[in-house]
Amino acid sequence: MPWVTWRTIKRQVCERIDEEVALEFKLVYPAELLPDQPPRIIGRRCSKAMECNQLDKPTCHWAGTLPGYDPFR
């Protein structure tokens, strides 16, 4: 059976809310029958996405409101 977990990949200060955020990937690890395959990324999120979604304007793709903009690149 595959194993699913959220893993923090980076922590840094977000300019939009002036706070430190954690950027996370949702990873799916393969079942024991296929141990040589790497985990797959099936989702992305920011630890402060709820605060960003309460702002008056779209923020970034980590919060899910502005898909074309990534302030952490």
Protein backbone atom coordinates (compact mmCIF):
# COMPACT_ATOMS: atom_id res chain seq x y z
CA MET A 1 0.00 0.00 0.00
CA PRO A 2 1.41 3.46 -0.89
CA TRP A 3 2.29 5.92 1.84
CA VAL A 4 1.19 9.59 1.60
CA THR A 5 2.72 12.46 3.62
CA TRP A 6 3.29 16.23 3.57
CA ARG A 7 6.99 17.15 3.60
CA THR A 8 8.39 20.66 4.23
CA ILE A 9 10.84 21.59 1.49
CA LYS A 10 11.66 25.19 2.35
CA ARG A 11 11.09 27.84 5.02
CA GLN A 12 11.39 31.52 4.23
CA VAL A 13 9.77 34.90 4.77
CA CYS A 14 6.81 35.73 2.54
CA GLU A 15 6.74 39.36 1.37
CA ARG A 16 2.94 39.37 1.04
CA ILE A 17 2.21 38.78 4.75
CA ASP A 18 5.67 39.52 6.27
CA GLU A 19 5.83 36.19 8.12
CA GLU A 20 7.88 33.03 7.86
CA VAL A 21 6.09 30.32 5.88
CA ALA A 22 6.76 26.65 5.21
CA LEU A 23 6.40 25.43 1.64
CA GLU A 24 5.27 21.80 1.55
CA PHE A 25 4.88 19.01 -1.02
CA LYS A 26 2.41 16.16 -0.72
CA LEU A 27 4.43 13.05 -1.57
CA VAL A 28 3.23 9.55 -2.41
CA TYR A 29 5.78 6.84 -1.72
CA PRO A 30 5.35 3.61 -3.70
CA ALA A 31 4.17 0.34 -2.22
CA GLU A 32 6.74 -2.17 -1.06
CA LEU A 33 6.28 -4.09 -4.31
CA LEU A 34 7.92 -1.21 -6.23
CA PRO A 35 10.71 -0.01 -3.90
CA ASP A 36 12.99 1.44 -6.61
CA GLN A 37 10.63 4.20 -7.69
CA PRO A 38 11.03 7.72 -6.27
CA PRO A 39 8.12 9.42 -4.49
CA ARG A 40 5.68 11.42 -6.62
CA ILE A 41 4.58 14.98 -5.92
CA ILE A 42 0.79 15.24 -6.03
CA GLY A 43 0.21 18.54 -4.23
CA ARG A 44 1.75 21.79 -3.02
CA ARG A 45 0.77 24.11 -0.20
CA CYS A 46 1.93 26.97 1.99
CA SER A 47 1.55 26.89 5.77
CA LYS A 48 -0.01 30.39 5.73
CA ALA A 49 -2.31 29.93 2.74
CA MET A 50 -5.44 30.60 4.80
CA GLU A 51 -4.12 34.05 5.79
CA CYS A 52 -3.24 34.86 2.18
CA ASN A 53 -6.65 33.78 0.94
CA GLN A 54 -8.24 36.37 3.23
CA LEU A 55 -6.42 39.25 1.50
CA ASP A 56 -8.23 41.43 -1.03
CA LYS A 57 -6.16 40.34 -4.02
CA PRO A 58 -4.79 37.00 -5.35
CA THR A 59 -1.42 36.07 -3.87
CA CYS A 60 0.42 33.09 -5.42
CA HIS A 61 0.10 29.51 -6.60
CA TRP A 62 1.22 28.14 -3.20
CA ALA A 63 -1.99 29.59 -1.71
CA GLY A 64 -4.00 28.40 -4.72
CA THR A 65 -5.25 31.83 -5.81
CA LEU A 66 -2.83 32.95 -8.55
CA PRO A 67 -1.48 29.98 -10.53
CA GLY A 68 1.02 31.89 -12.68
CA TYR A 69 2.94 33.61 -9.88
CA ASP A 70 5.53 31.98 -7.60
CA PRO A 71 7.18 34.52 -5.26
CA PHE A 72 9.71 31.97 -3.98
CA ARG A 73 11.53 31.24 -7.25
